[in-house]
């Protein structure tokens, strides 16, 4: 489903430069996302035994890793269910 959406976006491009711009927009990191490995001012890494944040992130920050993994599992289950019906 995602591949079809990506193909539809690329199909609307007028030329290779437009296709490259659409690709860059599609795969750009979300606004305000920090670089991987970058440290926040005043922040420190949690201790090895410290619990990780499990609640939902603040508004505008996307979704937590657990929520994303849950969503992917639901999509995989639905895909498998639909594939059995073919």
PDB file of N, CA and C in Angstrom:
ATOM      1  N   UNK A   1       0.829  -1.176   0.000  1.00  0.00           N
ATOM      2  CA  UNK A   1       0.000   0.000   0.000  1.00  0.00           C
ATOM      3  C   UNK A   1       0.883   1.251   0.000  1.00  0.00           C
ATOM      4  N   UNK A   2       1.935   1.231   0.813  1.00  0.00           N
ATOM      5  CA  UNK A   2       2.825   2.382   0.853  1.00  0.00           C
ATOM      6  C   UNK A   2       3.599   2.519  -0.454  1.00  0.00           C
ATOM      7  N   UNK A   3       3.981   1.396  -1.052  1.00  0.00           N
ATOM      8  CA  UNK A   3       4.684   1.456  -2.330  1.00  0.00           C
ATOM      9  C   UNK A   3       3.790   2.051  -3.412  1.00  0.00           C
ATOM     10  N   UNK A   4       2.507   1.726  -3.398  1.00  0.00           N
ATOM     11  CA  UNK A   4       1.585   2.280  -4.381  1.00  0.00           C
ATOM     12  C   UNK A   4       1.433   3.785  -4.191  1.00  0.00           C
ATOM     13  N   UNK A   5       1.385   4.233  -2.936  1.00  0.00           N
ATOM     14  CA  UNK A   5       1.284   5.669  -2.670  1.00  0.00           C
ATOM     15  C   UNK A   5       2.546   6.384  -3.136  1.00  0.00           C
ATOM     16  N   UNK A   6       3.698   5.788  -2.882  1.00  0.00           N
ATOM     17  CA  UNK A   6       4.960   6.388  -3.321  1.00  0.00           C
ATOM     18  C   UNK A   6       5.006   6.455  -4.845  1.00  0.00           C
ATOM     19  N   UNK A   7       4.585   5.393  -5.514  1.00  0.00           N
ATOM     20  CA  UNK A   7       4.575   5.381  -6.978  1.00  0.00           C
ATOM     21  C   UNK A   7       3.629   6.442  -7.530  1.00  0.00           C
ATOM     22  N   UNK A   8       2.486   6.640  -6.873  1.00  0.00           N
ATOM     23  CA  UNK A   8       1.541   7.662  -7.317  1.00  0.00           C
ATOM     24  C   UNK A   8       2.131   9.061  -7.155  1.00  0.00           C
ATOM     25  N   UNK A   9       2.871   9.274  -6.075  1.00  0.00           N
ATOM     26  CA  UNK A   9       3.511  10.578  -5.874  1.00  0.00           C
ATOM     27  C   UNK A   9       4.540  10.821  -6.958  1.00  0.00           C
ATOM     28  N   UNK A  10       5.353   9.807  -7.264  1.00  0.00           N
ATOM     29  CA  UNK A  10       6.382   9.961  -8.292  1.00  0.00           C
ATOM     30  C   UNK A  10       5.763  10.120  -9.681  1.00  0.00           C
ATOM     31  N   UNK A  11       4.613   9.513  -9.898  1.00  0.00           N
ATOM     32  CA  UNK A  11       3.965   9.598 -11.214  1.00  0.00           C
ATOM     33  C   UNK A  11       3.495  11.013 -11.521  1.00  0.00           C
ATOM     34  N   UNK A  12       3.252  11.807 -10.511  1.00  0.00           N
ATOM     35  CA  UNK A  12       2.791  13.180 -10.749  1.00  0.00           C
ATOM     36  C   UNK A  12       3.934  14.129 -11.053  1.00  0.00           C
ATOM     37  N   UNK A  13       5.182  13.650 -10.929  1.00  0.00           N
ATOM     38  CA  UNK A  13       6.345  14.507 -11.197  1.00  0.00           C
ATOM     39  C   UNK A  13       6.433  14.808 -12.686  1.00  0.00           C
ATOM     40  N   UNK A  14       6.808  16.036 -12.993  1.00  0.00           N
ATOM     41  CA  UNK A  14       6.907  16.466 -14.390  1.00  0.00           C
ATOM     42  C   UNK A  14       8.227  16.068 -15.031  1.00  0.00           C
ATOM     43  N   UNK A  15       9.302  16.011 -14.245  1.00  0.00           N
ATOM     44  CA  UNK A  15      10.608  15.635 -14.766  1.00  0.00           C
ATOM     45  C   UNK A  15      11.447  15.024 -13.647  1.00  0.00           C
ATOM     46  N   UNK A  16      12.690  14.673 -13.974  1.00  0.00           N
ATOM     47  CA  UNK A  16      13.560  14.038 -12.981  1.00  0.00           C
ATOM     48  C   UNK A  16      13.855  14.953 -11.796  1.00  0.00           C
ATOM     49  N   UNK A  17      14.004  16.242 -12.050  1.00  0.00           N
ATOM     50  CA  UNK A  17      14.286  17.182 -10.959  1.00  0.00           C
ATOM     51  C   UNK A  17      13.092  17.255 -10.005  1.00  0.00           C
ATOM     52  N   UNK A  18      11.890  17.286 -10.553  1.00  0.00           N
ATOM     53  CA  UNK A  18      10.686  17.322  -9.717  1.00  0.00           C
ATOM     54  C   UNK A  18      10.561  16.015  -8.928  1.00  0.00           C
ATOM     55  N   UNK A  19      10.887  14.903  -9.565  1.00  0.00           N
ATOM     56  CA  UNK A  19      10.842  13.600  -8.896  1.00  0.00           C
ATOM     57  C   UNK A  19      11.856  13.574  -7.738  1.00  0.00           C
ATOM     58  N   UNK A  20      13.040  14.145  -7.964  1.00  0.00           N
ATOM     59  CA  UNK A  20      14.056  14.200  -6.914  1.00  0.00           C
ATOM     60  C   UNK A  20      13.589  15.072  -5.749  1.00  0.00           C
ATOM     61  N   UNK A  21      12.916  16.197  -6.038  1.00  0.00           N
ATOM     62  CA  UNK A  21      12.386  17.061  -4.974  1.00  0.00           C
ATOM     63  C   UNK A  21      11.330  16.329  -4.165  1.00  0.00           C
ATOM     64  N   UNK A  22      10.447  15.620  -4.857  1.00  0.00           N
ATOM     65  CA  UNK A  22       9.400  14.867  -4.152  1.00  0.00           C
ATOM     66  C   UNK A  22      10.021  13.765  -3.291  1.00  0.00           C
ATOM     67  N   UNK A  23      11.062  13.110  -3.806  1.00  0.00           N
ATOM     68  CA  UNK A  23      11.744  12.072  -3.040  1.00  0.00           C
ATOM     69  C   UNK A  23      12.375  12.672  -1.783  1.00  0.00           C
ATOM     70  N   UNK A  24      13.016  13.828  -1.931  1.00  0.00           N
ATOM     71  CA  UNK A  24      13.651  14.484  -0.786  1.00  0.00           C
ATOM     72  C   UNK A  24      12.612  14.881   0.261  1.00  0.00           C
ATOM     73  N   UNK A  25      11.467  15.391  -0.171  1.00  0.00           N
ATOM     74  CA  UNK A  25      10.406  15.769   0.764  1.00  0.00           C
ATOM     75  C   UNK A  25       9.827  14.546   1.453  1.00  0.00           C
ATOM     76  N   UNK A  26       9.660  13.470   0.697  1.00  0.00           N
ATOM     77  CA  UNK A  26       9.053  12.258   1.228  1.00  0.00           C
ATOM     78  C   UNK A  26       9.926  11.610   2.295  1.00  0.00           C
ATOM     79  N   UNK A  27      11.239  11.606   2.088  1.00  0.00           N
ATOM     80  CA  UNK A  27      12.142  10.929   3.010  1.00  0.00           C
ATOM     81  C   UNK A  27      12.889  11.871   3.943  1.00  0.00           C
ATOM     82  N   UNK A  28      12.496  13.136   3.983  1.00  0.00           N
ATOM     83  CA  UNK A  28      13.122  14.085   4.910  1.00  0.00           C
ATOM     84  C   UNK A  28      12.684  13.754   6.336  1.00  0.00           C
ATOM     85  N   UNK A  29      13.578  13.963   7.303  1.00  0.00           N
ATOM     86  CA  UNK A  29      13.168  13.719   8.697  1.00  0.00           C
ATOM     87  C   UNK A  29      12.100  14.720   9.111  1.00  0.00           C
ATOM     88  N   UNK A  30      11.275  14.366  10.068  1.00  0.00           N
ATOM     89  CA  UNK A  30      10.224  15.275  10.518  1.00  0.00           C
ATOM     90  C   UNK A  30      10.820  16.587  11.023  1.00  0.00           C
ATOM     91  N   UNK A  31      10.064  17.643  10.894  1.00  0.00           N
ATOM     92  CA  UNK A  31      10.516  18.948  11.356  1.00  0.00           C
ATOM     93  C   UNK A  31      10.819  18.882  12.843  1.00  0.00           C
ATOM     94  N   UNK A  32      11.950  19.439  13.241  1.00  0.00           N
ATOM     95  CA  UNK A  32      12.317  19.456  14.647  1.00  0.00           C
ATOM     96  C   UNK A  32      12.987  18.190  15.129  1.00  0.00           C
ATOM     97  N   UNK A  33      13.189  17.228  14.244  1.00  0.00           N
ATOM     98  CA  UNK A  33      13.840  15.982  14.655  1.00  0.00           C
ATOM     99  C   UNK A  33      15.323  16.229  14.856  1.00  0.00           C
ATOM    100  N   UNK A  34      15.851  15.696  15.929  1.00  0.00           N
ATOM    101  CA  UNK A  34      17.279  15.845  16.218  1.00  0.00           C
ATOM    102  C   UNK A  34      18.060  14.807  15.426  1.00  0.00           C
ATOM    103  N   UNK A  35      19.298  15.137  15.120  1.00  0.00           N
ATOM    104  CA  UNK A  35      20.170  14.180  14.449  1.00  0.00           C
ATOM    105  C   UNK A  35      20.419  13.002  15.368  1.00  0.00           C
ATOM    106  N   UNK A  36      20.583  11.841  14.787  1.00  0.00           N
ATOM    107  CA  UNK A  36      20.880  10.647  15.579  1.00  0.00           C
ATOM    108  C   UNK A  36      22.228  10.843  16.256  1.00  0.00           C
ATOM    109  N   UNK A  37      22.268  10.628  17.545  1.00  0.00           N
ATOM    110  CA  UNK A  37      23.505  10.763  18.293  1.00  0.00           C
ATOM    111  C   UNK A  37      23.723  12.161  18.842  1.00  0.00           C
ATOM    112  N   UNK A  38      22.912  13.130  18.411  1.00  0.00           N
ATOM    113  CA  UNK A  38      23.079  14.491  18.912  1.00  0.00           C
ATOM    114  C   UNK A  38      22.561  14.563  20.341  1.00  0.00           C
ATOM    115  N   UNK A  39      23.206  15.328  21.144  1.00  0.00           N
ATOM    116  CA  UNK A  39      22.805  15.475  22.542  1.00  0.00           C
ATOM    117  C   UNK A  39      22.024  16.758  22.729  1.00  0.00           C
ATOM    118  N   UNK A  40      21.044  16.702  23.594  1.00  0.00           N
ATOM    119  CA  UNK A  40      20.290  17.895  23.944  1.00  0.00           C
ATOM    120  C   UNK A  40      21.032  18.639  25.043  1.00  0.00           C
ATOM    121  N   UNK A  41      20.969  19.965  25.041  1.00  0.00           N
ATOM    122  CA  UNK A  41      21.640  20.708  26.096  1.00  0.00           C
ATOM    123  C   UNK A  41      21.082  20.324  27.460  1.00  0.00           C
ATOM    124  N   UNK A  42      21.973  20.035  28.399  1.00  0.00           N
ATOM    125  CA  UNK A  42      21.547  19.696  29.752  1.00  0.00           C
ATOM    126  C   UNK A  42      21.041  18.283  29.893  1.00  0.00           C
ATOM    127  N   UNK A  43      21.020  17.540  28.816  1.00  0.00           N
ATOM    128  CA  UNK A  43      20.512  16.172  28.880  1.00  0.00           C
ATOM    129  C   UNK A  43      21.617  15.189  29.143  1.00  0.00           C
ATOM    130  N   UNK A  44      21.276  14.069  29.698  1.00  0.00           N
ATOM    131  CA  UNK A  44      22.247  13.011  29.918  1.00  0.00           C
ATOM    132  C   UNK A  44      21.568  11.689  29.627  1.00  0.00           C
ATOM    133  N   UNK A  45      22.356  10.698  29.357  1.00  0.00           N
ATOM    134  CA  UNK A  45      21.799   9.388  29.070  1.00  0.00           C
ATOM    135  C   UNK A  45      21.268   8.769  30.352  1.00  0.00           C
ATOM    136  N   UNK A  46      20.149   8.047  30.271  1.00  0.00           N
ATOM    137  CA  UNK A  46      19.633   7.395  31.471  1.00  0.00           C
ATOM    138  C   UNK A  46      20.534   6.240  31.878  1.00  0.00           C
ATOM    139  N   UNK A  47      20.506   5.914  33.136  1.00  0.00           N
ATOM    140  CA  UNK A  47      21.294   4.793  33.638  1.00  0.00           C
ATOM    141  C   UNK A  47      20.800   3.505  32.995  1.00  0.00           C
ATOM    142  N   UNK A  48      21.652   2.493  32.981  1.00  0.00           N
ATOM    143  CA  UNK A  48      21.318   1.236  32.307  1.00  0.00           C
ATOM    144  C   UNK A  48      20.040   0.606  32.859  1.00  0.00           C
ATOM    145  N   UNK A  49      19.793   0.731  34.156  1.00  0.00           N
ATOM    146  CA  UNK A  49      18.618   0.120  34.750  1.00  0.00           C
ATOM    147  C   UNK A  49      17.414   1.046  34.812  1.00  0.00           C
ATOM    148  N   UNK A  50      17.571   2.275  34.310  1.00  0.00           N
ATOM    149  CA  UNK A  50      16.485   3.247  34.386  1.00  0.00           C
ATOM    150  C   UNK A  50      15.366   2.866  33.425  1.00  0.00           C
ATOM    151  N   UNK A  51      14.109   3.020  33.832  1.00  0.00           N
ATOM    152  CA  UNK A  51      13.003   2.696  32.926  1.00  0.00           C
ATOM    153  C   UNK A  51      12.940   3.689  31.779  1.00  0.00           C
ATOM    154  N   UNK A  52      12.551   3.201  30.634  1.00  0.00           N
ATOM    155  CA  UNK A  52      12.404   4.059  29.464  1.00  0.00           C
ATOM    156  C   UNK A  52      11.037   4.712  29.485  1.00  0.00           C
ATOM    157  N   UNK A  53      10.937   5.804  28.758  1.00  0.00           N
ATOM    158  CA  UNK A  53       9.656   6.510  28.665  1.00  0.00           C
ATOM    159  C   UNK A  53       8.703   5.655  27.846  1.00  0.00           C
ATOM    160  N   UNK A  54       7.548   5.340  28.406  1.00  0.00           N
ATOM    161  CA  UNK A  54       6.598   4.483  27.711  1.00  0.00           C
ATOM    162  C   UNK A  54       5.319   5.217  27.350  1.00  0.00           C
ATOM    163  N   UNK A  55       5.117   6.384  27.884  1.00  0.00           N
ATOM    164  CA  UNK A  55       3.906   7.141  27.607  1.00  0.00           C
ATOM    165  C   UNK A  55       3.955   7.779  26.234  1.00  0.00           C
ATOM    166  N   UNK A  56       2.839   8.353  25.818  1.00  0.00           N
ATOM    167  CA  UNK A  56       2.810   8.999  24.513  1.00  0.00           C
ATOM    168  C   UNK A  56       3.683  10.249  24.531  1.00  0.00           C
ATOM    169  N   UNK A  57       4.317  10.562  23.399  1.00  0.00           N
ATOM    170  CA  UNK A  57       5.145  11.761  23.347  1.00  0.00           C
ATOM    171  C   UNK A  57       4.284  13.011  23.369  1.00  0.00           C
ATOM    172  N   UNK A  58       4.919  14.131  23.640  1.00  0.00           N
ATOM    173  CA  UNK A  58       4.195  15.397  23.658  1.00  0.00           C
ATOM    174  C   UNK A  58       3.643  15.689  22.266  1.00  0.00           C
ATOM    175  N   UNK A  59       2.622  16.503  22.199  1.00  0.00           N
ATOM    176  CA  UNK A  59       1.983  16.837  20.935  1.00  0.00           C
ATOM    177  C   UNK A  59       3.006  17.385  19.951  1.00  0.00           C
ATOM    178  N   UNK A  60       2.937  16.915  18.712  1.00  0.00           N
ATOM    179  CA  UNK A  60       3.809  17.400  17.663  1.00  0.00           C
ATOM    180  C   UNK A  60       5.127  16.664  17.560  1.00  0.00           C
ATOM    181  N   UNK A  61       5.362  15.649  18.399  1.00  0.00           N
ATOM    182  CA  UNK A  61       6.628  14.926  18.363  1.00  0.00           C
ATOM    183  C   UNK A  61       6.489  13.543  17.734  1.00  0.00           C
ATOM    184  N   UNK A  62       5.394  13.235  17.097  1.00  0.00           N
ATOM    185  CA  UNK A  62       5.225  11.927  16.486  1.00  0.00           C
ATOM    186  C   UNK A  62       4.706  10.909  17.469  1.00  0.00           C
ATOM    187  N   UNK A  63       5.144   9.648  17.299  1.00  0.00           N
ATOM    188  CA  UNK A  63       4.678   8.595  18.193  1.00  0.00           C
ATOM    189  C   UNK A  63       5.865   7.889  18.821  1.00  0.00           C
ATOM    190  N   UNK A  64       5.616   7.228  19.933  1.00  0.00           N
ATOM    191  CA  UNK A  64       6.685   6.521  20.627  1.00  0.00           C
ATOM    192  C   UNK A  64       7.085   5.288  19.823  1.00  0.00           C
ATOM    193  N   UNK A  65       8.254   4.754  20.121  1.00  0.00           N
ATOM    194  CA  UNK A  65       8.750   3.567  19.424  1.00  0.00           C
ATOM    195  C   UNK A  65       7.806   2.392  19.647  1.00  0.00           C
ATOM    196  N   UNK A  66       7.315   2.233  20.874  1.00  0.00           N
ATOM    197  CA  UNK A  66       6.385   1.140  21.162  1.00  0.00           C
ATOM    198  C   UNK A  66       5.100   1.254  20.371  1.00  0.00           C
ATOM    199  N   UNK A  67       4.584   2.472  20.252  1.00  0.00           N
ATOM    200  CA  UNK A  67       3.365   2.688  19.481  1.00  0.00           C
ATOM    201  C   UNK A  67       3.619   2.382  18.008  1.00  0.00           C
ATOM    202  N   UNK A  68       4.765   2.804  17.477  1.00  0.00           N
ATOM    203  CA  UNK A  68       5.094   2.543  16.080  1.00  0.00           C
ATOM    204  C   UNK A  68       5.216   1.042  15.825  1.00  0.00           C
ATOM    205  N   UNK A  69       5.858   0.328  16.745  1.00  0.00           N
ATOM    206  CA  UNK A  69       5.999  -1.116  16.579  1.00  0.00           C
ATOM    207  C   UNK A  69       4.648  -1.811  16.662  1.00  0.00           C
ATOM    208  N   UNK A  70       3.780  -1.334  17.538  1.00  0.00           N
ATOM    209  CA  UNK A  70       2.435  -1.898  17.643  1.00  0.00           C
ATOM    210  C   UNK A  70       1.658  -1.681  16.350  1.00  0.00           C
ATOM    211  N   UNK A  71       1.771  -0.497  15.798  1.00  0.00           N
ATOM    212  CA  UNK A  71       1.090  -0.184  14.549  1.00  0.00           C
ATOM    213  C   UNK A  71       1.608  -1.061  13.414  1.00  0.00           C
ATOM    214  N   UNK A  72       2.932  -1.269  13.350  1.00  0.00           N
ATOM    215  CA  UNK A  72       3.506  -2.121  12.310  1.00  0.00           C
ATOM    216  C   UNK A  72       3.022  -3.562  12.461  1.00  0.00           C
ATOM    217  N   UNK A  73       2.896  -4.034  13.699  1.00  0.00           N
ATOM    218  CA  UNK A  73       2.404  -5.390  13.928  1.00  0.00           C
ATOM    219  C   UNK A  73       0.949  -5.518  13.479  1.00  0.00           C
ATOM    220  N   UNK A  74       0.153  -4.493  13.748  1.00  0.00           N
ATOM    221  CA  UNK A  74      -1.238  -4.507  13.305  1.00  0.00           C
ATOM    222  C   UNK A  74      -1.326  -4.514  11.786  1.00  0.00           C
ATOM    223  N   UNK A  75      -0.474  -3.719  11.126  1.00  0.00           N
ATOM    224  CA  UNK A  75      -0.470  -3.682   9.662  1.00  0.00           C
ATOM    225  C   UNK A  75      -0.045  -5.027   9.079  1.00  0.00           C
ATOM    226  N   UNK A  76       0.963  -5.651   9.690  1.00  0.00           N
ATOM    227  CA  UNK A  76       1.415  -6.961   9.210  1.00  0.00           C
ATOM    228  C   UNK A  76       0.319  -8.007   9.376  1.00  0.00           C
ATOM    229  N   UNK A  77      -0.397  -7.968  10.494  1.00  0.00           N
ATOM    230  CA  UNK A  77      -1.486  -8.923  10.723  1.00  0.00           C
ATOM    231  C   UNK A  77      -2.605  -8.712   9.714  1.00  0.00           C
ATOM    232  N   UNK A  78      -2.937  -7.462   9.447  1.00  0.00           N
ATOM    233  CA  UNK A  78      -3.989  -7.167   8.473  1.00  0.00           C
ATOM    234  C   UNK A  78      -3.557  -7.587   7.073  1.00  0.00           C
ATOM    235  N   UNK A  79      -2.301  -7.354   6.727  1.00  0.00           N
ATOM    236  CA  UNK A  79      -1.780  -7.768   5.428  1.00  0.00           C
ATOM    237  C   UNK A  79      -1.842  -9.273   5.281  1.00  0.00           C
ATOM    238  N   UNK A  80      -1.452  -9.995   6.326  1.00  0.00           N
ATOM    239  CA  UNK A  80      -1.511 -11.451   6.282  1.00  0.00           C
ATOM    240  C   UNK A  80      -2.958 -11.937   6.153  1.00  0.00           C
ATOM    241  N   UNK A  81      -3.859 -11.289   6.865  1.00  0.00           N
ATOM    242  CA  UNK A  81      -5.286 -11.665   6.782  1.00  0.00           C
ATOM    243  C   UNK A  81      -5.817 -11.465   5.365  1.00  0.00           C
ATOM    244  N   UNK A  82      -5.463 -10.339   4.757  1.00  0.00           N
ATOM    245  CA  UNK A  82      -5.919 -10.051   3.402  1.00  0.00           C
ATOM    246  C   UNK A  82      -5.278 -10.986   2.379  1.00  0.00           C
ATOM    247  N   UNK A  83      -4.025 -11.359   2.587  1.00  0.00           N
ATOM    248  CA  UNK A  83      -3.329 -12.251   1.655  1.00  0.00           C
ATOM    249  C   UNK A  83      -3.937 -13.640   1.666  1.00  0.00           C
ATOM    250  N   UNK A  84      -4.471 -14.083   2.812  1.00  0.00           N
ATOM    251  CA  UNK A  84      -5.113 -15.403   2.893  1.00  0.00           C
ATOM    252  C   UNK A  84      -6.380 -15.449   2.053  1.00  0.00           C
ATOM    253  N   UNK A  85      -7.015 -14.314   1.858  1.00  0.00           N
ATOM    254  CA  UNK A  85      -8.279 -14.289   1.135  1.00  0.00           C
ATOM    255  C   UNK A  85      -8.119 -14.320  -0.367  1.00  0.00           C
ATOM    256  N   UNK A  86      -6.899 -14.278  -0.872  1.00  0.00           N
ATOM    257  CA  UNK A  86      -6.677 -14.251  -2.331  1.00  0.00           C
ATOM    258  C   UNK A  86      -6.891 -15.575  -2.961  1.00  0.00           C
TER     259      UNK A  86
END
